[in-house]
Amino acid sequence: MPDDPTQPTPEPSTPPEEATASSDSQTAQMAGNEPLAIEPEAQPTETKSSEALPPREVSSRNSTNDNLALAQQTIQNKKRAKLDKIITLFDTKPKITNDQVEHLLHVSDATATRYLDILEKEAEIKQVGKTGRAVWYSKI
């Protein structure tokens, strides 16, 4: 029944008219949504490669190197103290094992082995046995 004259003919759907905002009218947008005014960027100044760094940056590098050297020295001092503890352990026991060093210093198996190797290279102690549980160390 498309040709029924009693029925009103629907109007073709058209998209709603977009509100045109003039520069005088206010919008319902928040202030943060407004476009920002673009300011011209400042041109970077060129520096000559022959200029030295400002003293503040140079002293900062020296300070960093000093802190690094101090940290390395502190680590070496702590390591030496642990090696001395191992040597003093020989005052109470004639022979020690890697496990005893682990428990004394609260370090891993590998670290205890490294400490004992250092003392062996310094000719403070000698290793008896080759591998495994048969290895122990005695003071020279």
Foldseek 3Di string as FASTA:
>chain_A
DVVDPVDDDDDDDDDDDDDDDDPPDDDPDDPVPDDDDDDDDDDDDDDDPPDDDPPVVVVVVVVVVVVVVVVVVVVVVVLVVLLVVVLVVCVVPQKADLVVSCVVVVDDSVVSVVSVVVCVVVQQKDWDDDDDPVIMIGGD
